[in-house]
Protein backbone atom coordinates (compact mmCIF):
# COMPACT_ATOMS: atom_id res chain seq x y z
CA MET A 1 -116.38 31.30 39.68
CA GLY A 2 -112.93 31.45 38.23
CA PHE A 3 -110.62 33.87 36.52
CA LYS A 4 -113.20 35.79 34.52
CA CYS A 5 -115.17 36.89 37.58
CA PHE A 6 -112.07 38.28 39.22
CA LEU A 7 -111.07 39.98 35.97
CA ILE A 8 -114.47 41.66 35.69
CA ALA A 9 -114.31 42.73 39.32
CA GLY A 10 -110.84 44.19 38.82
CA ILE A 11 -111.92 46.12 35.75
CA GLY A 12 -115.18 47.26 37.32
CA LEU A 13 -113.73 48.71 40.50
CA LEU A 14 -109.97 48.50 40.13
CA GLY A 15 -109.55 45.71 42.63
CA LEU A 16 -112.19 46.84 45.11
CA LEU A 17 -114.95 44.49 44.05
CA ILE A 18 -114.79 40.71 43.85
CA PHE A 19 -117.34 38.11 42.85
CA SER A 20 -118.39 35.28 45.14
CA GLY A 21 -121.78 34.11 43.91
CA ASP A 22 -122.79 37.75 44.23
CA LEU A 23 -120.72 40.93 44.19
CA LYS A 24 -119.03 42.12 47.38
CA ALA A 25 -117.73 45.62 47.93
CA GLN A 26 -114.71 45.70 50.16
CA GLY A 27 -112.35 48.39 51.38
CA LEU A 28 -108.68 48.32 50.51
CA PRO A 29 -106.72 46.31 53.08
CA SER A 30 -104.41 48.33 55.23
CA GLY A 31 -101.09 48.91 53.54
CA ALA A 32 -102.17 47.21 50.30
CA GLN A 33 -101.00 48.50 46.95
CA SER A 34 -103.28 47.17 44.25
CA ASN A 35 -101.02 47.87 41.25
CA GLY A 36 -98.23 45.63 42.54
CA SER A 37 -95.56 48.25 41.95
CA GLY A 38 -95.19 49.67 45.42
CA GLY A 39 -96.67 53.00 44.38
CA SER A 40 -99.93 54.34 45.77
CA ASN A 41 -102.98 53.38 43.75
CA ILE A 42 -105.98 55.43 42.61
CA ILE A 43 -109.38 53.79 43.08
CA THR A 44 -112.48 54.69 41.07
CA ALA A 45 -115.72 53.11 39.95
CA VAL A 46 -116.64 52.68 36.26
CA PRO A 47 -113.16 53.08 34.72
CA PHE A 48 -114.69 52.11 31.34
CA LEU A 49 -115.49 55.82 31.01
CA LEU A 50 -111.77 56.44 30.47
CA ILE A 51 -111.59 54.16 27.42
CA SER A 52 -111.57 56.19 24.22
CA PRO A 53 -114.03 54.57 21.79
CA ASP A 54 -112.82 56.66 18.86
CA ALA A 55 -110.64 54.70 16.41
CA ARG A 56 -109.05 57.92 15.15
CA ALA A 57 -107.77 58.86 18.61
CA GLY A 58 -106.98 55.19 19.23
CA GLY A 59 -104.61 55.22 16.26
CA MET A 60 -102.90 58.39 17.50
CA GLY A 61 -101.79 57.18 20.93
CA GLU A 62 -105.15 58.20 22.50
CA ALA A 63 -104.47 61.89 21.63
CA GLY A 64 -107.69 63.64 20.62
CA VAL A 65 -108.61 66.60 22.82
CA ALA A 66 -107.25 69.18 20.35
CA VAL A 67 -107.26 67.49 16.91
CA LEU A 68 -109.67 68.85 14.31
CA PRO A 69 -113.24 67.78 15.19
CA ASP A 70 -115.42 65.00 13.84
CA VAL A 71 -118.65 63.34 15.04
CA ASN A 72 -116.77 61.52 17.83
CA ALA A 73 -115.71 64.80 19.45
CA MET A 74 -118.11 64.12 22.34
CA SER A 75 -115.90 61.25 23.52
CA ASN A 76 -112.82 63.43 24.08
CA ASN A 77 -113.83 67.13 23.92
CA PRO A 78 -117.52 68.10 23.53
CA SER A 79 -116.71 71.74 22.77
CA LYS A 80 -115.22 70.78 19.39
CA LEU A 81 -118.71 70.00 18.04
CA ALA A 82 -119.28 73.72 17.48
CA PHE A 83 -116.65 73.73 14.72
CA LEU A 84 -118.17 70.95 12.62
CA ASP A 85 -119.22 72.03 9.13
CA GLN A 86 -122.03 69.54 8.50
CA ARG A 87 -125.54 70.06 9.82
CA TYR A 88 -125.85 66.66 11.46
CA GLY A 89 -124.01 63.36 11.70
CA LEU A 90 -123.77 59.96 13.37
CA SER A 91 -120.95 57.68 14.48
CA LEU A 92 -120.76 54.06 15.58
CA SER A 93 -117.67 52.56 17.25
CA TYR A 94 -116.89 49.05 18.44
CA SER A 95 -113.92 47.46 20.16
CA PRO A 96 -113.33 43.93 21.49
CA TRP A 97 -111.57 44.62 24.79
CA LEU A 98 -108.88 42.58 26.57
CA ARG A 99 -109.26 39.74 24.06
CA ASN A 100 -105.98 38.22 25.21
CA LEU A 101 -107.65 37.46 28.54
CA VAL A 102 -111.37 36.99 27.84
CA SER A 103 -113.11 36.54 24.50
CA ASP A 104 -116.43 38.32 25.04
CA ILE A 105 -115.70 41.71 26.66
CA ASN A 106 -116.47 44.61 24.34
CA LEU A 107 -117.14 48.34 24.14
CA GLY A 108 -119.77 49.93 21.91
CA TYR A 109 -120.33 53.65 21.30
CA LEU A 110 -123.06 55.49 19.40
CA SER A 111 -123.11 59.26 19.04
CA GLY A 112 -124.79 61.95 16.98
CA PHE A 113 -125.05 65.72 16.68
CA TYR A 114 -127.30 68.38 15.18
CA LYS A 115 -126.15 71.90 14.36
CA ILE A 116 -128.87 74.34 15.41
CA ASP A 117 -127.18 77.31 13.75
CA ASP A 118 -123.66 78.53 12.98
CA ARG A 119 -122.77 78.75 16.67
CA ASN A 120 -124.81 76.21 18.60
CA VAL A 121 -124.73 72.41 18.46
CA ILE A 122 -126.50 69.71 20.44
CA GLY A 123 -125.48 66.07 20.61
CA GLY A 124 -126.08 62.78 22.35
CA SER A 125 -124.26 59.50 22.87
CA LEU A 126 -124.53 56.04 24.37
CA ARG A 127 -121.46 54.18 25.66
CA TYR A 128 -122.03 50.49 26.51
CA PHE A 129 -119.46 48.18 28.09
CA SER A 130 -120.29 44.46 28.23
CA TYR A 131 -118.38 41.95 30.37
CA GLY A 132 -119.89 39.00 28.49
CA LYS A 133 -121.43 36.05 30.31
CA ILE A 134 -120.18 34.56 33.59
CA GLN A 135 -121.13 31.33 35.30
CA LEU A 136 -122.45 31.80 38.83
CA THR A 137 -122.05 29.28 41.65
CA ASP A 138 -122.76 29.39 45.36
CA ALA A 139 -120.45 28.51 48.24
CA ASN A 140 -121.19 24.80 47.65
CA LYS A 141 -120.28 25.05 43.93
CA GLN A 142 -123.91 24.67 42.92
CA ASP A 143 -124.85 26.10 39.53
CA LEU A 144 -126.75 29.40 39.83
CA GLY A 145 -127.00 30.05 36.10
CA THR A 146 -125.29 32.77 34.10
CA TYR A 147 -125.19 36.54 34.36
CA SER A 148 -124.09 39.29 31.96
CA PRO A 149 -122.56 42.24 33.85
CA ASN A 150 -122.60 45.53 31.98
CA GLU A 151 -122.14 49.25 32.37
CA PHE A 152 -123.41 52.12 30.27
CA ALA A 153 -123.48 55.92 30.10
CA ILE A 154 -125.95 58.16 28.28
CA ASP A 155 -124.87 61.71 27.41
CA GLY A 156 -126.57 64.91 26.32
CA THR A 157 -124.20 67.58 24.98
CA PHE A 158 -124.34 71.29 24.15
CA SER A 159 -121.54 73.24 22.47
CA ARG A 160 -121.34 76.90 21.50
CA ARG A 161 -118.81 78.76 19.38
CA PHE A 162 -117.67 82.25 20.37
CA GLY A 163 -116.17 84.03 17.37
CA ASP A 164 -114.07 82.18 14.83
CA SER A 165 -111.54 80.57 17.17
CA PHE A 166 -113.04 79.54 20.52
CA SER A 167 -115.81 77.28 21.78
CA LEU A 168 -117.12 75.89 25.05
CA GLY A 169 -119.06 72.70 25.62
CA THR A 170 -120.65 70.62 28.33
CA SER A 171 -122.16 67.16 28.63
CA LEU A 172 -124.64 65.82 31.17
CA ARG A 173 -124.19 62.08 31.80
CA TYR A 174 -126.20 59.32 33.43
CA ILE A 175 -124.16 56.25 34.43
CA ARG A 176 -125.35 52.79 35.44
CA SER A 177 -123.08 49.95 36.54
CA ALA A 178 -124.77 46.55 36.85
CA LEU A 179 -122.04 44.20 38.06
CA SER A 180 -124.09 41.92 40.31
CA THR A 181 -127.20 39.72 40.25
CA GLY A 182 -128.92 41.66 43.03
CA GLN A 183 -128.21 39.05 45.72
CA PHE A 184 -127.27 39.78 49.32
CA SER A 185 -123.76 40.29 50.67
CA GLY A 186 -122.89 40.96 54.30
CA GLY A 187 -126.57 41.40 55.11
CA GLN A 188 -127.05 44.03 52.41
CA GLN A 189 -128.56 43.71 48.97
CA VAL A 190 -126.09 44.41 46.23
CA LYS A 191 -127.59 46.65 43.57
CA ALA A 192 -126.61 48.41 40.37
CA GLY A 193 -124.54 51.53 40.95
CA GLN A 194 -125.93 54.77 39.53
CA SER A 195 -124.55 58.26 39.19
CA VAL A 196 -124.82 61.52 37.25
CA ALA A 197 -121.89 63.56 36.00
CA VAL A 198 -120.95 66.47 33.78
CA ASP A 199 -118.08 67.31 31.44
CA VAL A 200 -116.76 70.86 31.02
CA SER A 201 -114.58 71.58 27.99
CA GLY A 202 -113.02 74.27 25.85
CA TYR A 203 -111.39 74.41 22.42
CA PHE A 204 -109.29 77.00 20.59
CA LYS A 205 -108.02 76.89 17.02
CA LYS A 206 -106.46 79.43 14.72
CA GLN A 207 -105.22 79.26 11.16
CA THR A 208 -101.77 80.80 10.78
CA HIS A 209 -98.33 80.33 9.23
CA PHE A 210 -96.12 78.04 11.33
CA LEU A 211 -92.75 76.40 10.64
CA GLY A 212 -92.80 77.53 7.02
CA SER A 213 -96.26 76.15 6.23
CA ASP A 214 -99.90 77.14 6.46
CA ALA A 215 -101.18 75.51 9.63
CA ILE A 216 -104.05 75.25 12.07
CA LEU A 217 -102.89 75.48 15.68
CA ALA A 218 -105.29 74.16 18.29
CA ALA A 219 -105.53 73.61 22.03
CA GLY A 220 -108.18 71.81 24.03
CA ALA A 221 -109.12 70.98 27.60
CA ASN A 222 -111.80 68.70 29.06
CA ILE A 223 -112.63 67.86 32.66
CA SER A 224 -114.83 64.78 32.42
CA ASN A 225 -116.96 62.75 34.86
CA ILE A 226 -117.46 65.40 37.53
CA GLY A 227 -120.21 63.71 39.47
CA THR A 228 -121.69 61.99 42.47
CA LYS A 229 -120.00 59.01 44.07
CA MET A 230 -121.24 55.53 43.20
CA SER A 231 -122.30 52.85 45.67
CA TYR A 232 -123.43 49.24 45.18
CA THR A 233 -125.22 48.88 48.53
CA ASP A 234 -127.46 51.21 50.53
CA ALA A 235 -125.01 51.54 53.41
CA GLY A 236 -121.76 50.43 51.80
CA ASN A 237 -118.72 52.27 50.53
CA ALA A 238 -119.17 54.95 47.89
CA TYR A 239 -116.53 55.31 45.19
CA PHE A 240 -115.37 58.27 43.17
CA LEU A 241 -116.10 58.47 39.47
CA PRO A 242 -112.98 58.67 37.26
CA THR A 243 -112.93 62.46 37.07
CA ASN A 244 -110.22 63.21 34.53
CA LEU A 245 -108.41 66.34 33.40
CA ARG A 246 -107.27 66.19 29.78
CA ILE A 247 -105.36 69.03 28.15
CA GLY A 248 -103.49 69.01 24.89
CA GLY A 249 -102.45 70.68 21.68
CA ALA A 250 -102.37 69.88 18.00
CA SER A 251 -100.80 71.39 14.88
CA THR A 252 -102.24 70.58 11.47
CA PHE A 253 -99.90 71.49 8.62
CA LEU A 254 -101.63 72.25 5.31
CA VAL A 255 -98.75 71.35 2.99
CA ASP A 256 -100.82 71.73 -0.19
CA ASP A 257 -104.28 70.93 -1.50
CA MET A 258 -103.59 67.18 -1.31
CA ASN A 259 -101.38 66.66 1.74
CA GLN A 260 -102.03 67.42 5.39
CA PHE A 261 -100.10 66.43 8.55
CA THR A 262 -101.28 66.61 12.17
CA VAL A 263 -99.12 66.35 15.28
CA ALA A 264 -100.96 66.02 18.60
CA ILE A 265 -100.21 65.46 22.28
CA ASP A 266 -102.52 64.96 25.28
CA PHE A 267 -101.84 64.98 29.02
CA ASN A 268 -104.25 63.20 31.39
CA LYS A 269 -104.55 63.25 35.17
CA LEU A 270 -107.22 61.68 37.36
CA LEU A 271 -108.75 64.21 39.76
CA VAL A 272 -109.54 61.75 42.53
CA PRO A 273 -107.68 60.99 45.77
CA THR A 274 -104.52 58.92 45.70
CA GLN A 275 -104.71 56.13 48.26
CA PRO A 276 -102.43 56.75 51.28
CA GLN A 277 -100.01 54.30 52.83
CA TYR A 278 -101.19 52.48 55.98
CA ASP A 279 -99.43 50.70 58.78
CA GLY A 280 -100.44 47.27 60.07
CA ASN A 281 -103.18 48.80 62.24
CA GLY A 282 -104.82 50.63 59.36
CA LYS A 283 -103.48 54.04 60.40
CA ILE A 284 -102.38 56.43 57.66
CA VAL A 285 -98.63 56.94 57.85
CA LYS A 286 -98.16 58.82 54.57
CA GLY A 287 -100.61 60.71 52.41
CA ARG A 288 -104.12 61.92 53.13
CA ASP A 289 -107.45 60.40 54.08
CA PRO A 290 -109.25 59.58 50.78
CA ASN A 291 -112.72 59.69 52.39
CA VAL A 292 -113.54 63.25 51.35
CA SER A 293 -116.23 64.99 49.31
CA VAL A 294 -116.09 65.14 45.52
CA PRO A 295 -114.96 68.83 45.39
CA ALA A 296 -112.32 68.18 48.05
CA GLY A 297 -111.15 65.12 46.15
CA ILE A 298 -110.81 67.07 42.90
CA PHE A 299 -108.85 69.99 44.35
CA GLY A 300 -106.86 67.80 46.72
CA SER A 301 -105.78 65.44 43.92
CA PHE A 302 -102.99 67.82 42.91
CA GLY A 303 -101.13 67.38 46.20
CA ASP A 304 -102.25 64.26 48.06
CA ALA A 305 -99.83 61.62 46.73
CA PRO A 306 -97.78 60.03 49.54
CA GLY A 307 -94.63 60.42 47.47
CA GLY A 308 -95.06 64.17 47.06
CA PHE A 309 -94.67 66.17 43.86
CA GLY A 310 -92.63 63.45 42.16
CA GLU A 311 -95.46 60.98 42.57
CA GLU A 312 -97.99 63.55 41.34
CA LEU A 313 -96.00 63.81 38.12
CA LYS A 314 -96.15 60.03 37.75
CA GLU A 315 -99.94 60.24 37.74
CA ILE A 316 -99.88 62.16 34.44
CA ASN A 317 -100.40 59.96 31.38
CA ILE A 318 -99.15 61.12 27.99
CA GLY A 319 -100.54 60.30 24.57
CA ALA A 320 -98.88 61.55 21.38
CA GLY A 321 -99.79 60.92 17.77
CA LEU A 322 -99.33 61.72 14.10
CA GLU A 323 -101.83 61.73 11.24
CA TYR A 324 -101.22 62.03 7.51
CA LEU A 325 -104.25 62.85 5.36
CA TYR A 326 -104.15 62.57 1.58
CA ALA A 327 -106.75 64.36 -0.55
CA GLY A 328 -109.07 64.47 2.46
CA LYS A 329 -109.94 60.82 1.83
CA PHE A 330 -107.13 58.54 3.06
CA ALA A 331 -105.39 58.73 6.46
CA LEU A 332 -102.46 56.99 8.09
CA ARG A 333 -101.90 57.33 11.85
CA GLY A 334 -99.43 56.36 14.52
CA GLY A 335 -98.88 57.15 18.18
CA TYR A 336 -97.54 56.21 21.58
CA PHE A 337 -99.18 56.11 25.01
CA TYR A 338 -97.16 56.30 28.22
CA GLU A 339 -98.15 55.62 31.82
CA SER A 340 -95.68 55.45 34.71
CA PRO A 341 -94.63 51.91 35.75
CA ASP A 342 -95.67 52.88 39.30
CA LYS A 343 -99.19 53.85 38.21
CA GLY A 344 -100.30 51.04 35.95
CA ASN A 345 -97.49 50.72 33.40
CA ARG A 346 -99.59 51.02 30.24
CA ARG A 347 -97.06 51.71 27.50
CA TYR A 348 -97.78 50.87 23.89
CA LEU A 349 -97.61 51.92 20.26
CA THR A 350 -100.73 52.46 18.18
CA LEU A 351 -101.37 52.34 14.45
CA GLY A 352 -104.40 53.41 12.48
CA THR A 353 -105.88 54.19 9.12
CA GLY A 354 -108.99 55.86 7.75
CA PHE A 355 -110.96 56.09 4.52
CA LYS A 356 -113.60 58.54 3.33
CA TYR A 357 -116.19 57.97 0.61
CA ASP A 358 -118.92 60.55 0.09
CA ILE A 359 -120.69 60.92 3.49
CA LEU A 360 -119.02 57.85 5.05
CA ASN A 361 -115.76 57.68 7.04
CA ILE A 362 -114.26 54.37 8.18
CA ASP A 363 -111.48 54.37 10.79
CA PHE A 364 -109.42 51.50 12.21
CA ALA A 365 -106.94 51.42 15.10
CA TYR A 366 -104.58 48.71 16.34
CA LEU A 367 -102.71 48.61 19.63
CA VAL A 368 -99.16 47.23 19.34
CA ALA A 369 -97.84 45.59 22.52
CA SER A 370 -96.35 42.33 23.67
CA PRO A 371 -99.07 39.82 24.69
CA GLN A 372 -96.74 38.62 27.46
CA LYS A 373 -96.50 42.13 28.95
CA SER A 374 -99.85 43.77 28.22
CA PRO A 375 -103.40 42.36 28.29
CA MET A 376 -104.32 45.15 25.87
CA ALA A 377 -102.05 43.81 23.12
CA ASN A 378 -103.64 43.49 19.67
CA THR A 379 -106.68 45.55 20.65
CA LEU A 380 -108.70 46.68 17.62
CA ARG A 381 -111.08 49.63 17.34
CA PHE A 382 -113.51 50.32 14.48
CA THR A 383 -115.47 53.51 13.81
CA LEU A 384 -118.05 54.41 11.18
CA LEU A 385 -118.94 58.10 10.77
CA PHE A 386 -121.77 59.55 8.69
CA ASN A 387 -121.95 63.26 7.89
CA PHE A 388 -125.26 64.56 6.50
CA GLY A 389 -126.77 67.83 5.39
CA GLY A 390 -123.79 69.20 3.48
CA SER A 391 -121.70 72.06 4.81
CA SER A 392 -123.24 74.60 7.13
CA LYS A 393 -121.00 77.28 5.67
């Protein structure tokens, strides 16, 4: 079925799933390292959940867990919703994904919130990832028609503010991953993977005087996708969700009534087992057995890398960004995202801008990378935000 099928399989299960007329789930071969760098890989299902749909964060090097909140807060830190001023709002985001490789993969995101009172907020969102259309053939190269693999997640969110500076939030998520046509593989019917998960988050902000200027200092943390493993067959392998720990800080400098600067940084680490190193007989020679429960995988993820503490540090991704806001209506953004060469090697600059008119915000983000070195080069993200109901204050 060609390059696109293998690309979709690689995205969908990080090298675990391949297409061959239908979708086959296979274990990692003994001793294999899927990232090609010689480092130990991390395998999860539905990695689309780690893509930030928010064009504002996308323009700031993917940093967003602690920046001042907007309607898209659910995508990076649900607890920030409690600090929104408006009574209710909506956002719509869209991004063509990996356009340097395939023309019809895209991510869509719709979210909204309603402020019950000064302390409590509810919200909901839909995240939809489409792999476009693929041509199916059987082992004899006979045409089996086309199929459109897709994955989506539906969230319900609650956030509560405690005092003037702190809030907590949680999201309940249903996830469905339909990567196959429902045919049989290895005597088993391949089906859509399903799972449920939760996010747990916190946010702190305080207005103060910092570095000679009035400023808002903020910190945020979000553990996302804590949930059941996902399987594509009744008796096949089950894969961890991409449980992710994100912590970060942000400083917003209120220079005067017209000018505002924000500096932000996020740190991310997947809380799932790192794959061990195997010998030719499939025996683990370094690292730990990844076939553990979800709680054991989360807690063990801080010390299971075959390369020890040094490799654990390499599993931390860093996103840093800047934002300049003029008159509350025009924004310029820039940032940088770093991932270790041994753990995926995503390294790129980001640029972004934003405009506000009445109740409407429009944000754009652009990923700057060499097309020869990164399939994510020239990625665009667009976000529309609508804030209704005036200020709740």
